Amino acid sequence: MEPKKLSNKETLREVYQLLCEKGYNPIGQIVGYLLSEDPTYITNYGNARSLIRRIDRDELMGELVRCYLELD
């Protein structure tokens, strides 16, 4: 049985929570990853690194811009 496919939002929330649990600055870590695509910005704790790599960065950036500009 395949694991449930999470939306980008669900995935980011899960990674955010895992980063918080480890005491990291989750916004800074996620932004660092999105800008550089360097997976070492994201901890392996709770499978967070694997989770965030499932996100298509271009798609996510488009979603973020649309949300920021309130186009939805």
PDB file of N, CA and C in Angstrom:
ATOM      1  N   MET A   1       0.838  -1.188   0.000  1.00  0.00           N
ATOM      2  CA  MET A   1       0.000   0.000   0.000  1.00  0.00           C
ATOM      3  C   MET A   1       0.882   1.249   0.000  1.00  0.00           C
ATOM      4  N   GLU A   2       0.601   2.181  -0.908  1.00  0.00           N
ATOM      5  CA  GLU A   2       1.367   3.415  -1.015  1.00  0.00           C
ATOM      6  C   GLU A   2       0.976   4.394   0.085  1.00  0.00           C
ATOM      7  N   PRO A   3       1.960   5.169   0.611  1.00  0.00           N
ATOM      8  CA  PRO A   3       1.608   6.183   1.601  1.00  0.00           C
ATOM      9  C   PRO A   3       0.751   7.283   0.973  1.00  0.00           C
ATOM     10  N   LYS A   4      -0.074   7.894   1.797  1.00  0.00           N
ATOM     11  CA  LYS A   4      -0.960   8.970   1.338  1.00  0.00           C
ATOM     12  C   LYS A   4      -0.144  10.113   0.756  1.00  0.00           C
ATOM     13  N   LYS A   5      -0.554  10.617  -0.406  1.00  0.00           N
ATOM     14  CA  LYS A   5       0.100  11.762  -1.039  1.00  0.00           C
ATOM     15  C   LYS A   5      -0.369  13.030  -0.337  1.00  0.00           C
ATOM     16  N   LEU A   6       0.580  13.749   0.252  1.00  0.00           N
ATOM     17  CA  LEU A   6       0.255  14.992   0.941  1.00  0.00           C
ATOM     18  C   LEU A   6       0.310  16.155  -0.043  1.00  0.00           C
ATOM     19  N   SER A   7      -0.531  17.165   0.177  1.00  0.00           N
ATOM     20  CA  SER A   7      -0.450  18.383  -0.621  1.00  0.00           C
ATOM     21  C   SER A   7       0.813  19.137  -0.217  1.00  0.00           C
ATOM     22  N   ASN A   8       1.205  20.109  -1.031  1.00  0.00           N
ATOM     23  CA  ASN A   8       2.362  20.933  -0.679  1.00  0.00           C
ATOM     24  C   ASN A   8       2.163  21.592   0.679  1.00  0.00           C
ATOM     25  N   LYS A   9       0.960  22.070   0.925  1.00  0.00           N
ATOM     26  CA  LYS A   9       0.659  22.745   2.192  1.00  0.00           C
ATOM     27  C   LYS A   9       0.802  21.786   3.371  1.00  0.00           C
ATOM     28  N   GLU A  10       0.246  20.596   3.226  1.00  0.00           N
ATOM     29  CA  GLU A  10       0.343  19.593   4.292  1.00  0.00           C
ATOM     30  C   GLU A  10       1.800  19.196   4.534  1.00  0.00           C
ATOM     31  N   THR A  11       2.544  19.046   3.461  1.00  0.00           N
ATOM     32  CA  THR A  11       3.950  18.670   3.571  1.00  0.00           C
ATOM     33  C   THR A  11       4.739  19.761   4.274  1.00  0.00           C
ATOM     34  N   LEU A  12       4.538  21.013   3.865  1.00  0.00           N
ATOM     35  CA  LEU A  12       5.251  22.125   4.508  1.00  0.00           C
ATOM     36  C   LEU A  12       4.903  22.233   5.984  1.00  0.00           C
ATOM     37  N   ARG A  13       3.646  22.038   6.318  1.00  0.00           N
ATOM     38  CA  ARG A  13       3.241  22.093   7.732  1.00  0.00           C
ATOM     39  C   ARG A  13       3.910  20.984   8.537  1.00  0.00           C
ATOM     40  N   GLU A  14       3.998  19.804   7.962  1.00  0.00           N
ATOM     41  CA  GLU A  14       4.641  18.682   8.646  1.00  0.00           C
ATOM     42  C   GLU A  14       6.128  18.964   8.851  1.00  0.00           C
ATOM     43  N   VAL A  15       6.799  19.442   7.804  1.00  0.00           N
ATOM     44  CA  VAL A  15       8.222  19.769   7.907  1.00  0.00           C
ATOM     45  C   VAL A  15       8.425  20.898   8.916  1.00  0.00           C
ATOM     46  N   TYR A  16       7.572  21.912   8.873  1.00  0.00           N
ATOM     47  CA  TYR A  16       7.640  23.029   9.813  1.00  0.00           C
ATOM     48  C   TYR A  16       7.565  22.517  11.255  1.00  0.00           C
ATOM     49  N   GLN A  17       6.606  21.641  11.518  1.00  0.00           N
ATOM     50  CA  GLN A  17       6.426  21.096  12.867  1.00  0.00           C
ATOM     51  C   GLN A  17       7.653  20.304  13.309  1.00  0.00           C
ATOM     52  N   LEU A  18       8.185  19.500  12.419  1.00  0.00           N
ATOM     53  CA  LEU A  18       9.367  18.704  12.753  1.00  0.00           C
ATOM     54  C   LEU A  18      10.569  19.599  13.048  1.00  0.00           C
ATOM     55  N   LEU A  19      10.736  20.660  12.281  1.00  0.00           N
ATOM     56  CA  LEU A  19      11.829  21.604  12.530  1.00  0.00           C
ATOM     57  C   LEU A  19      11.648  22.296  13.884  1.00  0.00           C
ATOM     58  N   CYS A  20      10.413  22.657  14.214  1.00  0.00           N
ATOM     59  CA  CYS A  20      10.127  23.262  15.522  1.00  0.00           C
ATOM     60  C   CYS A  20      10.487  22.297  16.651  1.00  0.00           C
ATOM     61  N   GLU A  21      10.104  21.043  16.488  1.00  0.00           N
ATOM     62  CA  GLU A  21      10.387  20.035  17.520  1.00  0.00           C
ATOM     63  C   GLU A  21      11.883  19.903  17.784  1.00  0.00           C
ATOM     64  N   LYS A  22      12.682  20.088  16.755  1.00  0.00           N
ATOM     65  CA  LYS A  22      14.135  19.978  16.903  1.00  0.00           C
ATOM     66  C   LYS A  22      14.777  21.294  17.364  1.00  0.00           C
ATOM     67  N   GLY A  23      13.974  22.354  17.482  1.00  0.00           N
ATOM     68  CA  GLY A  23      14.488  23.624  17.972  1.00  0.00           C
ATOM     69  C   GLY A  23      15.109  24.514  16.908  1.00  0.00           C
ATOM     70  N   TYR A  24      14.860  24.221  15.645  1.00  0.00           N
ATOM     71  CA  TYR A  24      15.384  25.035  14.549  1.00  0.00           C
ATOM     72  C   TYR A  24      14.462  26.211  14.260  1.00  0.00           C
ATOM     73  N   ASN A  25      14.966  27.174  13.495  1.00  0.00           N
ATOM     74  CA  ASN A  25      14.156  28.272  12.962  1.00  0.00           C
ATOM     75  C   ASN A  25      13.516  27.738  11.680  1.00  0.00           C
ATOM     76  N   PRO A  26      12.267  27.281  11.738  1.00  0.00           N
ATOM     77  CA  PRO A  26      11.690  26.586  10.592  1.00  0.00           C
ATOM     78  C   PRO A  26      11.552  27.447   9.337  1.00  0.00           C
ATOM     79  N   ILE A  27      11.195  28.713   9.508  1.00  0.00           N
ATOM     80  CA  ILE A  27      11.048  29.573   8.331  1.00  0.00           C
ATOM     81  C   ILE A  27      12.397  29.747   7.645  1.00  0.00           C
ATOM     82  N   GLY A  28      13.421  30.050   8.401  1.00  0.00           N
ATOM     83  CA  GLY A  28      14.760  30.225   7.837  1.00  0.00           C
ATOM     84  C   GLY A  28      15.269  28.967   7.161  1.00  0.00           C
ATOM     85  N   GLN A  29      15.018  27.816   7.780  1.00  0.00           N
ATOM     86  CA  GLN A  29      15.485  26.550   7.213  1.00  0.00           C
ATOM     87  C   GLN A  29      14.748  26.226   5.913  1.00  0.00           C
ATOM     88  N   ILE A  30      13.443  26.422   5.900  1.00  0.00           N
ATOM     89  CA  ILE A  30      12.654  26.131   4.695  1.00  0.00           C
ATOM     90  C   ILE A  30      13.022  27.090   3.572  1.00  0.00           C
ATOM     91  N   VAL A  31      13.149  28.380   3.881  1.00  0.00           N
ATOM     92  CA  VAL A  31      13.542  29.352   2.858  1.00  0.00           C
ATOM     93  C   VAL A  31      14.925  29.006   2.307  1.00  0.00           C
ATOM     94  N   GLY A  32      15.852  28.673   3.181  1.00  0.00           N
ATOM     95  CA  GLY A  32      17.185  28.278   2.734  1.00  0.00           C
ATOM     96  C   GLY A  32      17.128  27.104   1.775  1.00  0.00           C
ATOM     97  N   TYR A  33      16.323  26.118   2.104  1.00  0.00           N
ATOM     98  CA  TYR A  33      16.176  24.964   1.223  1.00  0.00           C
ATOM     99  C   TYR A  33      15.560  25.363  -0.113  1.00  0.00           C
ATOM    100  N   LEU A  34      14.478  26.156  -0.069  1.00  0.00           N
ATOM    101  CA  LEU A  34      13.798  26.532  -1.308  1.00  0.00           C
ATOM    102  C   LEU A  34      14.697  27.344  -2.235  1.00  0.00           C
ATOM    103  N   LEU A  35      15.520  28.211  -1.661  1.00  0.00           N
ATOM    104  CA  LEU A  35      16.409  29.024  -2.483  1.00  0.00           C
ATOM    105  C   LEU A  35      17.578  28.228  -3.059  1.00  0.00           C
ATOM    106  N   SER A  36      18.097  27.312  -2.288  1.00  0.00           N
ATOM    107  CA  SER A  36      19.328  26.622  -2.692  1.00  0.00           C
ATOM    108  C   SER A  36      19.119  25.190  -3.176  1.00  0.00           C
ATOM    109  N   GLU A  37      18.012  24.592  -2.791  1.00  0.00           N
ATOM    110  CA  GLU A  37      17.723  23.171  -3.001  1.00  0.00           C
ATOM    111  C   GLU A  37      18.766  22.281  -2.321  1.00  0.00           C
ATOM    112  N   ASP A  38      19.426  22.838  -1.305  1.00  0.00           N
ATOM    113  CA  ASP A  38      20.401  22.083  -0.517  1.00  0.00           C
ATOM    114  C   ASP A  38      19.647  21.368   0.600  1.00  0.00           C
ATOM    115  N   PRO A  39      19.541  20.044   0.525  1.00  0.00           N
ATOM    116  CA  PRO A  39      18.734  19.308   1.500  1.00  0.00           C
ATOM    117  C   PRO A  39      19.266  19.375   2.929  1.00  0.00           C
ATOM    118  N   THR A  40      20.516  19.796   3.109  1.00  0.00           N
ATOM    119  CA  THR A  40      21.051  19.842   4.473  1.00  0.00           C
ATOM    120  C   THR A  40      20.421  20.957   5.309  1.00  0.00           C
ATOM    121  N   TYR A  41      19.652  21.847   4.694  1.00  0.00           N
ATOM    122  CA  TYR A  41      18.900  22.841   5.467  1.00  0.00           C
ATOM    123  C   TYR A  41      17.807  22.171   6.295  1.00  0.00           C
ATOM    124  N   ILE A  42      17.393  20.977   5.880  1.00  0.00           N
ATOM    125  CA  ILE A  42      16.278  20.293   6.527  1.00  0.00           C
ATOM    126  C   ILE A  42      16.798  19.057   7.265  1.00  0.00           C
ATOM    127  N   THR A  43      16.408  18.931   8.510  1.00  0.00           N
ATOM    128  CA  THR A  43      16.825  17.802   9.341  1.00  0.00           C
ATOM    129  C   THR A  43      16.260  16.482   8.818  1.00  0.00           C
ATOM    130  N   ASN A  44      16.961  15.408   9.115  1.00  0.00           N
ATOM    131  CA  ASN A  44      16.443  14.067   8.817  1.00  0.00           C
ATOM    132  C   ASN A  44      15.396  13.631   9.838  1.00  0.00           C
ATOM    133  N   TYR A  45      15.326  14.334  10.962  1.00  0.00           N
ATOM    134  CA  TYR A  45      14.400  14.000  12.036  1.00  0.00           C
ATOM    135  C   TYR A  45      12.975  13.844  11.493  1.00  0.00           C
ATOM    136  N   GLY A  46      12.343  12.755  11.831  1.00  0.00           N
ATOM    137  CA  GLY A  46      10.953  12.520  11.429  1.00  0.00           C
ATOM    138  C   GLY A  46      10.752  12.401   9.932  1.00  0.00           C
ATOM    139  N   ASN A  47      11.836  12.138   9.200  1.00  0.00           N
ATOM    140  CA  ASN A  47      11.767  11.999   7.748  1.00  0.00           C
ATOM    141  C   ASN A  47      11.488  13.333   7.042  1.00  0.00           C
ATOM    142  N   ALA A  48      11.783  14.453   7.719  1.00  0.00           N
ATOM    143  CA  ALA A  48      11.483  15.780   7.167  1.00  0.00           C
ATOM    144  C   ALA A  48      12.193  16.035   5.845  1.00  0.00           C
ATOM    145  N   ARG A  49      13.449  15.628   5.744  1.00  0.00           N
ATOM    146  CA  ARG A  49      14.209  15.875   4.508  1.00  0.00           C
ATOM    147  C   ARG A  49      13.578  15.140   3.328  1.00  0.00           C
ATOM    148  N   SER A  50      13.193  13.928   3.549  1.00  0.00           N
ATOM    149  CA  SER A  50      12.542  13.156   2.494  1.00  0.00           C
ATOM    150  C   SER A  50      11.200  13.779   2.108  1.00  0.00           C
ATOM    151  N   LEU A  51      10.458  14.237   3.102  1.00  0.00           N
ATOM    152  CA  LEU A  51       9.157  14.864   2.831  1.00  0.00           C
ATOM    153  C   LEU A  51       9.305  16.102   1.953  1.00  0.00           C
ATOM    154  N   ILE A  52      10.219  16.996   2.322  1.00  0.00           N
ATOM    155  CA  ILE A  52      10.313  18.256   1.588  1.00  0.00           C
ATOM    156  C   ILE A  52      10.825  18.054   0.167  1.00  0.00           C
ATOM    157  N   ARG A  53      11.585  16.998  -0.051  1.00  0.00           N
ATOM    158  CA  ARG A  53      12.097  16.732  -1.408  1.00  0.00           C
ATOM    159  C   ARG A  53      10.999  16.264  -2.350  1.00  0.00           C
ATOM    160  N   ARG A  54       9.852  15.907  -1.833  1.00  0.00           N
ATOM    161  CA  ARG A  54       8.715  15.502  -2.678  1.00  0.00           C
ATOM    162  C   ARG A  54       8.018  16.705  -3.305  1.00  0.00           C
ATOM    163  N   ILE A  55       8.276  17.884  -2.777  1.00  0.00           N
ATOM    164  CA  ILE A  55       7.619  19.094  -3.260  1.00  0.00           C
ATOM    165  C   ILE A  55       8.306  19.588  -4.526  1.00  0.00           C
ATOM    166  N   ASP A  56       7.514  19.914  -5.542  1.00  0.00           N
ATOM    167  CA  ASP A  56       8.035  20.557  -6.740  1.00  0.00           C
ATOM    168  C   ASP A  56       8.225  22.035  -6.401  1.00  0.00           C
ATOM    169  N   ARG A  57       9.480  22.479  -6.365  1.00  0.00           N
ATOM    170  CA  ARG A  57       9.776  23.849  -5.921  1.00  0.00           C
ATOM    171  C   ARG A  57       9.138  24.909  -6.807  1.00  0.00           C
ATOM    172  N   ASP A  58       9.141  24.718  -8.120  1.00  0.00           N
ATOM    173  CA  ASP A  58       8.534  25.699  -9.016  1.00  0.00           C
ATOM    174  C   ASP A  58       7.038  25.827  -8.759  1.00  0.00           C
ATOM    175  N   GLU A  59       6.384  24.705  -8.585  1.00  0.00           N
ATOM    176  CA  GLU A  59       4.954  24.701  -8.291  1.00  0.00           C
ATOM    177  C   GLU A  59       4.681  25.411  -6.964  1.00  0.00           C
ATOM    178  N   LEU A  60       5.490  25.099  -5.966  1.00  0.00           N
ATOM    179  CA  LEU A  60       5.318  25.717  -4.656  1.00  0.00           C
ATOM    180  C   LEU A  60       5.534  27.229  -4.720  1.00  0.00           C
ATOM    181  N   MET A  61       6.578  27.650  -5.420  1.00  0.00           N
ATOM    182  CA  MET A  61       6.839  29.090  -5.530  1.00  0.00           C
ATOM    183  C   MET A  61       5.666  29.804  -6.205  1.00  0.00           C
ATOM    184  N   GLY A  62       5.082  29.183  -7.223  1.00  0.00           N
ATOM    185  CA  GLY A  62       3.897  29.756  -7.874  1.00  0.00           C
ATOM    186  C   GLY A  62       2.740  29.880  -6.898  1.00  0.00           C
ATOM    187  N   GLU A  63       2.530  28.833  -6.089  1.00  0.00           N
ATOM    188  CA  GLU A  63       1.464  28.868  -5.085  1.00  0.00           C
ATOM    189  C   GLU A  63       1.709  29.983  -4.072  1.00  0.00           C
ATOM    190  N   LEU A  64       2.954  30.126  -3.643  1.00  0.00           N
ATOM    191  CA  LEU A  64       3.294  31.151  -2.651  1.00  0.00           C
ATOM    192  C   LEU A  64       3.049  32.559  -3.196  1.00  0.00           C
ATOM    193  N   VAL A  65       3.443  32.797  -4.432  1.00  0.00           N
ATOM    194  CA  VAL A  65       3.240  34.123  -5.042  1.00  0.00           C
ATOM    195  C   VAL A  65       1.751  34.395  -5.207  1.00  0.00           C
ATOM    196  N   ARG A  66       0.991  33.415  -5.699  1.00  0.00           N
ATOM    197  CA  ARG A  66      -0.457  33.612  -5.848  1.00  0.00           C
ATOM    198  C   ARG A  66      -1.106  33.921  -4.493  1.00  0.00           C
ATOM    199  N   CYS A  67      -0.699  33.197  -3.471  1.00  0.00           N
ATOM    200  CA  CYS A  67      -1.247  33.399  -2.123  1.00  0.00           C
ATOM    201  C   CYS A  67      -0.862  34.779  -1.593  1.00  0.00           C
ATOM    202  N   TYR A  68       0.402  35.148  -1.760  1.00  0.00           N
ATOM    203  CA  TYR A  68       0.880  36.435  -1.271  1.00  0.00           C
ATOM    204  C   TYR A  68       0.148  37.587  -1.954  1.00  0.00           C
ATOM    205  N   LEU A  69      -0.115  37.443  -3.246  1.00  0.00           N
ATOM    206  CA  LEU A  69      -0.818  38.486  -3.983  1.00  0.00           C
ATOM    207  C   LEU A  69      -2.326  38.349  -3.881  1.00  0.00           C
ATOM    208  N   GLU A  70      -2.773  37.330  -3.147  1.00  0.00           N
ATOM    209  CA  GLU A  70      -4.191  37.056  -2.935  1.00  0.00           C
ATOM    210  C   GLU A  70      -4.947  36.905  -4.255  1.00  0.00           C
ATOM    211  N   LEU A  71      -4.386  36.101  -5.162  1.00  0.00           N
ATOM    212  CA  LEU A  71      -4.985  35.885  -6.462  1.00  0.00           C
ATOM    213  C   LEU A  71      -5.935  34.700  -6.503  1.00  0.00           C
ATOM    214  N   ASP A  72      -6.038  33.964  -5.423  1.00  0.00           N
ATOM    215  CA  ASP A  72      -6.954  32.809  -5.393  1.00  0.00           C
ATOM    216  C   ASP A  72      -8.279  33.196  -4.791  1.00  0.00           C
TER     217      ASP A  72
END
